[in-house]
C-alpha atoms as a PDB file:
ATOM      1  CA  UNK A   1       1.066  19.873 -16.208  1.00  0.00           C
ATOM      2  CA  UNK A   2      -0.161  16.667 -17.849  1.00  0.00           C
ATOM      3  CA  UNK A   3       3.355  15.366 -18.378  1.00  0.00           C
ATOM      4  CA  UNK A   4       4.188  16.067 -14.727  1.00  0.00           C
ATOM      5  CA  UNK A   5       1.137  14.105 -13.576  1.00  0.00           C
ATOM      6  CA  UNK A   6       2.017  11.174 -15.808  1.00  0.00           C
ATOM      7  CA  UNK A   7       5.644  11.126 -14.630  1.00  0.00           C
ATOM      8  CA  UNK A   8       4.609  11.286 -10.956  1.00  0.00           C
ATOM      9  CA  UNK A   9       2.013   8.552 -11.542  1.00  0.00           C
ATOM     10  CA  UNK A  10       4.609   6.351 -13.245  1.00  0.00           C
ATOM     11  CA  UNK A  11       7.075   6.803 -10.381  1.00  0.00           C
ATOM     12  CA  UNK A  12       4.404   5.964  -7.792  1.00  0.00           C
ATOM     13  CA  UNK A  13       3.278   2.881  -9.705  1.00  0.00           C
ATOM     14  CA  UNK A  14       6.887   1.652  -9.947  1.00  0.00           C
ATOM     15  CA  UNK A  15       7.362   2.248  -6.205  1.00  0.00           C
ATOM     16  CA  UNK A  16       4.098   0.354  -5.614  1.00  0.00           C
ATOM     17  CA  UNK A  17       5.336  -2.577  -7.675  1.00  0.00           C
ATOM     18  CA  UNK A  18       8.617  -2.614  -5.775  1.00  0.00           C
ATOM     19  CA  UNK A  19       6.625  -2.407  -2.527  1.00  0.00           C
ATOM     20  CA  UNK A  20       4.872  -5.656  -3.310  1.00  0.00           C
ATOM     21  CA  UNK A  21       8.223  -7.448  -3.031  1.00  0.00           C
ATOM     22  CA  UNK A  22      10.005  -5.288  -0.450  1.00  0.00           C
ATOM     23  CA  UNK A  23       7.990  -4.907   2.761  1.00  0.00           C
ATOM     24  CA  UNK A  24       9.521  -1.506   3.528  1.00  0.00           C
ATOM     25  CA  UNK A  25       7.161   0.228   1.058  1.00  0.00           C
ATOM     26  CA  UNK A  26       3.355   0.004   1.229  1.00  0.00           C
ATOM     27  CA  UNK A  27       2.901  -1.384  -2.272  1.00  0.00           C
ATOM     28  CA  UNK A  28      -0.846  -1.375  -2.863  1.00  0.00           C
ATOM     29  CA  UNK A  29      -1.729   2.107  -1.548  1.00  0.00           C
ATOM     30  CA  UNK A  30       1.204   3.743  -3.326  1.00  0.00           C
ATOM     31  CA  UNK A  31       0.418   1.937  -6.573  1.00  0.00           C
ATOM     32  CA  UNK A  32      -3.228   2.941  -6.330  1.00  0.00           C
ATOM     33  CA  UNK A  33      -2.245   6.543  -5.644  1.00  0.00           C
ATOM     34  CA  UNK A  34      -0.211   6.453  -8.845  1.00  0.00           C
ATOM     35  CA  UNK A  35      -3.229   5.118 -10.709  1.00  0.00           C
ATOM     36  CA  UNK A  36      -5.405   7.879  -9.256  1.00  0.00           C
ATOM     37  CA  UNK A  37      -2.906  10.575 -10.219  1.00  0.00           C
ATOM     38  CA  UNK A  38      -2.808   9.128 -13.725  1.00  0.00           C
ATOM     39  CA  UNK A  39      -6.611   9.361 -13.745  1.00  0.00           C
ATOM     40  CA  UNK A  40      -6.370  13.095 -12.990  1.00  0.00           C
ATOM     41  CA  UNK A  41      -4.299  13.640 -16.119  1.00  0.00           C
ATOM     42  CA  UNK A  42      -6.316  14.956 -19.078  1.00  0.00           C
ATOM     43  CA  UNK A  43      -4.607  12.421 -21.378  1.00  0.00           C
ATOM     44  CA  UNK A  44      -5.794   9.403 -19.390  1.00  0.00           C
ATOM     45  CA  UNK A  45      -8.665   7.276 -20.631  1.00  0.00           C
ATOM     46  CA  UNK A  46      -9.445   5.461 -17.365  1.00  0.00           C
ATOM     47  CA  UNK A  47     -13.068   5.546 -16.283  1.00  0.00           C
ATOM     48  CA  UNK A  48     -14.266   6.440 -12.809  1.00  0.00           C
ATOM     49  CA  UNK A  49     -15.475   2.833 -12.433  1.00  0.00           C
ATOM     50  CA  UNK A  50     -11.930   1.566 -12.888  1.00  0.00           C
ATOM     51  CA  UNK A  51     -10.755   3.858 -10.109  1.00  0.00           C
ATOM     52  CA  UNK A  52     -13.610   2.866  -7.770  1.00  0.00           C
ATOM     53  CA  UNK A  53     -13.219  -0.872  -8.362  1.00  0.00           C
ATOM     54  CA  UNK A  54      -9.448  -0.778  -7.892  1.00  0.00           C
ATOM     55  CA  UNK A  55      -9.924   1.313  -4.736  1.00  0.00           C
ATOM     56  CA  UNK A  56     -12.300  -1.277  -3.293  1.00  0.00           C
ATOM     57  CA  UNK A  57      -9.956  -4.133  -4.208  1.00  0.00           C
ATOM     58  CA  UNK A  58      -6.990  -2.280  -2.718  1.00  0.00           C
ATOM     59  CA  UNK A  59      -8.869  -1.662   0.541  1.00  0.00           C
ATOM     60  CA  UNK A  60     -10.016  -5.284   0.824  1.00  0.00           C
ATOM     61  CA  UNK A  61      -6.553  -6.675   0.106  1.00  0.00           C
ATOM     62  CA  UNK A  62      -4.890  -4.199   2.496  1.00  0.00           C
ATOM     63  CA  UNK A  63      -7.247  -5.191   5.328  1.00  0.00           C
ATOM     64  CA  UNK A  64      -6.737  -8.887   4.603  1.00  0.00           C
ATOM     65  CA  UNK A  65      -2.983  -8.334   4.583  1.00  0.00           C
ATOM     66  CA  UNK A  66      -3.154  -7.234   8.228  1.00  0.00           C
ATOM     67  CA  UNK A  67      -5.806  -9.756   9.324  1.00  0.00           C
ATOM     68  CA  UNK A  68      -4.227 -12.798   7.645  1.00  0.00           C
ATOM     69  CA  UNK A  69      -0.457 -12.472   8.012  1.00  0.00           C
END
């Protein structure tokens, strides 16, 4: 189960990175989802504060992306 979570998280983070350059994919939300799935893995050492801070940054940047084109 842990390996599956890590593989899915890696794929989502790669898609998120590609999405920052190709506008077809929503880069930030997909990348953050990959980070969150990696957090759910028992092998991950991310703290809850890392997840919360990156969530807030992702939300702010996503809103600014639509407000300031």
